[in-house]
Amino acid sequence: MSGGVELVGARVRLRPWRADDRAPFAALNADPEVMRHFVAPLTREASDAWAERIEAWMAAHGWGQWALQTPELAFAGFVGLSTVPEHIPLPAALSRPAHEIGWRLARGAWGRGYASEAARLVLAYARDVPVAPIVSYTASVNGPSQRVMQRIGLVEVARFEHPRIPEGHALRAHVLYAHAPGAGG
């Protein structure tokens, strides 16, 4: 995809996707360590299909799940917004359509604050558009993502059992965070 909104921070660039992002995206989605808080890694076909959906959404809306570029990596993953699916339960105080801020980074980009920096850019963009409400959710055992959520000003508002993960699965328990009114993203 060419054109589209870019968000630039001190160390990160969120940009539209390019054709050469597909291979590193597939590698990221196939990495068992990256995918440890998901039910299973993705096949190349599933990863490519997801990239196509991301690109189509961004072409239609001008925003979405941007490709993340860092000083070390031309493609370090993605950070951005997507519509929360109907099967995800939201507290009554949150209206639909709600939007999830989410990220998935390659291991080479972990532990450097890139997810937080990029997510803050996305939150600022969401305020300007405006896109609200903003939530984020993950498996309860995913401490690193929850710490990013807290660093960008989200607060825990609910816990739920993910309806598409089998009962008894270690990842079924989820936590939902939302942007706190007055919090600086």
Protein backbone atom coordinates (compact mmCIF):
# COMPACT_ATOMS: atom_id res chain seq x y z
CA MET A 1 0.00 0.00 0.00
CA SER A 2 1.33 3.43 -0.79
CA GLY A 3 0.29 6.75 0.68
CA GLY A 4 -1.70 7.06 3.87
CA VAL A 5 -1.12 8.52 7.29
CA GLU A 6 2.27 8.17 8.94
CA LEU A 7 2.95 8.77 12.62
CA VAL A 8 6.51 9.62 13.60
CA GLY A 9 8.03 9.65 17.07
CA ALA A 10 11.53 10.17 18.41
CA ARG A 11 12.52 6.56 17.65
CA VAL A 12 9.61 4.96 15.84
CA ARG A 13 7.77 5.40 12.60
CA LEU A 14 4.29 4.03 12.01
CA ARG A 15 3.71 3.78 8.30
CA PRO A 16 1.48 2.15 5.72
CA TRP A 17 2.39 -1.42 4.84
CA ARG A 18 4.65 -2.35 1.93
CA ALA A 19 4.92 -5.57 -0.05
CA ASP A 20 8.30 -6.32 1.54
CA ASP A 21 6.66 -6.35 5.02
CA ARG A 22 4.94 -9.68 4.30
CA ALA A 23 7.95 -11.96 4.93
CA PRO A 24 8.99 -10.40 8.28
CA PHE A 25 5.31 -10.28 9.32
CA ALA A 26 4.98 -13.99 8.56
CA ALA A 27 8.18 -14.72 10.50
CA LEU A 28 6.88 -12.73 13.48
CA ASN A 29 3.53 -14.57 13.38
CA ALA A 30 5.27 -17.95 13.15
CA ASP A 31 7.66 -17.27 16.05
CA PRO A 32 6.52 -19.41 19.02
CA GLU A 33 7.96 -16.92 21.53
CA VAL A 34 6.17 -13.94 19.95
CA MET A 35 2.97 -15.98 19.79
CA ARG A 36 3.14 -17.51 23.27
CA HIS A 37 0.11 -15.49 24.44
CA PHE A 38 -1.98 -16.60 21.45
CA VAL A 39 -3.55 -19.99 20.88
CA ALA A 40 -1.22 -20.84 17.98
CA PRO A 41 1.31 -19.32 15.59
CA LEU A 42 0.01 -18.38 12.15
CA THR A 43 0.82 -20.08 8.88
CA ARG A 44 2.27 -17.99 6.07
CA GLU A 45 -1.10 -18.10 4.31
CA ALA A 46 -2.97 -16.88 7.40
CA SER A 47 -0.39 -14.16 8.00
CA ASP A 48 -0.62 -12.93 4.39
CA ALA A 49 -4.42 -12.94 4.55
CA TRP A 50 -4.29 -10.85 7.73
CA ALA A 51 -1.86 -8.39 6.11
CA GLU A 52 -4.29 -8.05 3.18
CA ARG A 53 -7.14 -7.24 5.59
CA ILE A 54 -4.97 -4.67 7.39
CA GLU A 55 -4.03 -3.00 4.10
CA ALA A 56 -7.66 -2.95 2.88
CA TRP A 57 -8.86 -1.42 6.17
CA MET A 58 -6.15 1.25 6.06
CA ALA A 59 -6.94 2.05 2.42
CA ALA A 60 -10.62 2.50 3.29
CA HIS A 61 -10.20 4.41 6.59
CA GLY A 62 -6.77 6.04 6.52
CA TRP A 63 -5.85 4.49 9.87
CA GLY A 64 -5.56 1.01 11.33
CA GLN A 65 -2.71 -1.27 12.29
CA TRP A 66 0.37 0.56 11.04
CA ALA A 67 3.66 -1.14 10.21
CA LEU A 68 6.22 -0.29 12.89
CA GLN A 69 9.68 0.80 11.82
CA THR A 70 12.51 1.27 14.33
CA PRO A 71 16.15 2.32 13.94
CA GLU A 72 17.16 -1.36 13.88
CA LEU A 73 14.31 -2.90 11.89
CA ALA A 74 12.57 -1.77 8.69
CA PHE A 75 9.61 -3.88 9.86
CA ALA A 76 9.44 -4.42 13.62
CA GLY A 77 5.76 -5.45 13.80
CA PHE A 78 2.59 -3.41 13.98
CA VAL A 79 0.92 -0.98 16.35
CA GLY A 80 -2.50 0.47 15.77
CA LEU A 81 -6.24 0.42 16.00
CA SER A 82 -8.90 -2.07 15.01
CA THR A 83 -12.59 -2.41 15.71
CA VAL A 84 -13.34 -4.61 18.73
CA PRO A 85 -15.26 -7.68 17.49
CA GLU A 86 -18.81 -8.20 18.75
CA HIS A 87 -17.83 -11.45 20.51
CA ILE A 88 -15.56 -9.55 22.93
CA PRO A 89 -17.61 -8.51 25.98
CA LEU A 90 -17.38 -4.86 26.96
CA PRO A 91 -18.55 -3.27 30.21
CA ALA A 92 -21.86 -1.40 29.89
CA ALA A 93 -20.06 1.94 30.27
CA LEU A 94 -18.23 1.40 26.96
CA SER A 95 -20.18 1.94 23.76
CA ARG A 96 -19.73 0.22 20.43
CA PRO A 97 -18.11 0.57 18.12
CA ALA A 98 -15.12 0.43 20.41
CA HIS A 99 -11.59 0.33 19.07
CA GLU A 100 -8.71 -1.76 20.30
CA ILE A 101 -5.22 -0.38 20.45
CA GLY A 102 -2.90 -3.31 19.93
CA TRP A 103 0.60 -4.29 18.97
CA ARG A 104 2.75 -7.24 18.04
CA LEU A 105 6.48 -6.74 17.85
CA ALA A 106 9.33 -8.89 16.59
CA ARG A 107 11.63 -10.12 19.34
CA GLY A 108 14.39 -7.81 18.10
CA ALA A 109 12.22 -4.84 19.13
CA TRP A 110 11.27 -6.06 22.61
CA GLY A 111 12.29 -4.30 25.81
CA ARG A 112 13.20 -0.97 24.23
CA GLY A 113 9.99 1.00 24.82
CA TYR A 114 8.99 0.97 21.15
CA ALA A 115 5.51 -0.42 21.81
CA SER A 116 4.77 2.31 24.37
CA GLU A 117 6.18 5.10 22.19
CA ALA A 118 4.23 3.94 19.15
CA ALA A 119 1.03 3.36 21.13
CA ARG A 120 1.19 6.92 22.49
CA LEU A 121 1.36 8.20 18.89
CA VAL A 122 -1.70 6.10 18.04
CA LEU A 123 -3.63 7.41 21.06
CA ALA A 124 -2.82 11.00 20.09
CA TYR A 125 -4.00 10.28 16.56
CA ALA A 126 -7.20 8.67 17.88
CA ARG A 127 -7.97 11.81 19.90
CA ASP A 128 -7.52 13.98 16.80
CA VAL A 129 -9.68 11.82 14.49
CA PRO A 130 -11.63 11.17 16.98
CA VAL A 131 -11.88 7.42 17.48
CA ALA A 132 -13.35 6.28 20.80
CA PRO A 133 -13.72 4.44 23.07
CA ILE A 134 -10.23 2.95 23.08
CA VAL A 135 -9.61 -0.38 24.82
CA SER A 136 -6.93 -3.05 24.85
CA TYR A 137 -7.17 -6.65 25.95
CA THR A 138 -4.92 -9.63 26.34
CA ALA A 139 -4.56 -12.94 28.10
CA SER A 140 -4.30 -12.42 31.86
CA VAL A 141 -0.88 -14.10 31.83
CA ASN A 142 0.53 -11.55 29.35
CA GLY A 143 2.30 -9.25 31.79
CA PRO A 144 4.44 -7.41 29.21
CA SER A 145 1.41 -6.21 27.21
CA GLN A 146 -0.41 -5.21 30.39
CA ARG A 147 2.60 -3.10 31.41
CA VAL A 148 2.47 -1.31 28.05
CA MET A 149 -1.26 -0.70 28.58
CA GLN A 150 -0.54 0.85 31.97
CA ARG A 151 2.37 2.97 30.66
CA ILE A 152 0.14 4.54 27.99
CA GLY A 153 -2.55 5.50 30.49
CA LEU A 154 -5.02 2.62 30.21
CA VAL A 155 -6.59 1.18 33.35
CA GLU A 156 -8.02 -2.25 33.97
CA VAL A 157 -11.82 -2.20 33.70
CA ALA A 158 -12.83 -5.86 33.36
CA ARG A 159 -11.81 -9.49 33.30
CA PHE A 160 -13.47 -12.00 31.01
CA GLU A 161 -13.23 -15.46 29.55
CA HIS A 162 -12.39 -15.18 25.86
CA PRO A 163 -15.36 -16.81 24.10
CA ARG A 164 -13.24 -18.17 21.23
CA ILE A 165 -10.66 -19.90 23.39
CA PRO A 166 -11.63 -23.35 24.72
CA GLU A 167 -12.58 -23.75 28.37
CA GLY A 168 -9.65 -24.91 30.45
CA HIS A 169 -7.08 -23.36 28.09
CA ALA A 170 -4.34 -21.37 29.88
CA LEU A 171 -5.05 -18.31 27.70
CA ARG A 172 -8.84 -18.19 28.10
CA ALA A 173 -8.77 -15.72 31.03
CA HIS A 174 -8.42 -12.20 29.64
CA VAL A 175 -8.12 -8.70 31.03
CA LEU A 176 -9.58 -5.57 29.42
CA TYR A 177 -8.08 -2.12 29.81
CA ALA A 178 -9.63 1.19 28.71
CA HIS A 179 -8.43 4.75 28.36
CA ALA A 180 -9.15 6.55 31.61
CA PRO A 181 -10.89 9.92 31.27
CA GLY A 182 -8.34 12.67 31.75
CA ALA A 183 -5.38 10.27 31.48
CA GLY A 184 -2.53 11.48 29.34
CA GLY A 185 -2.01 8.78 26.71
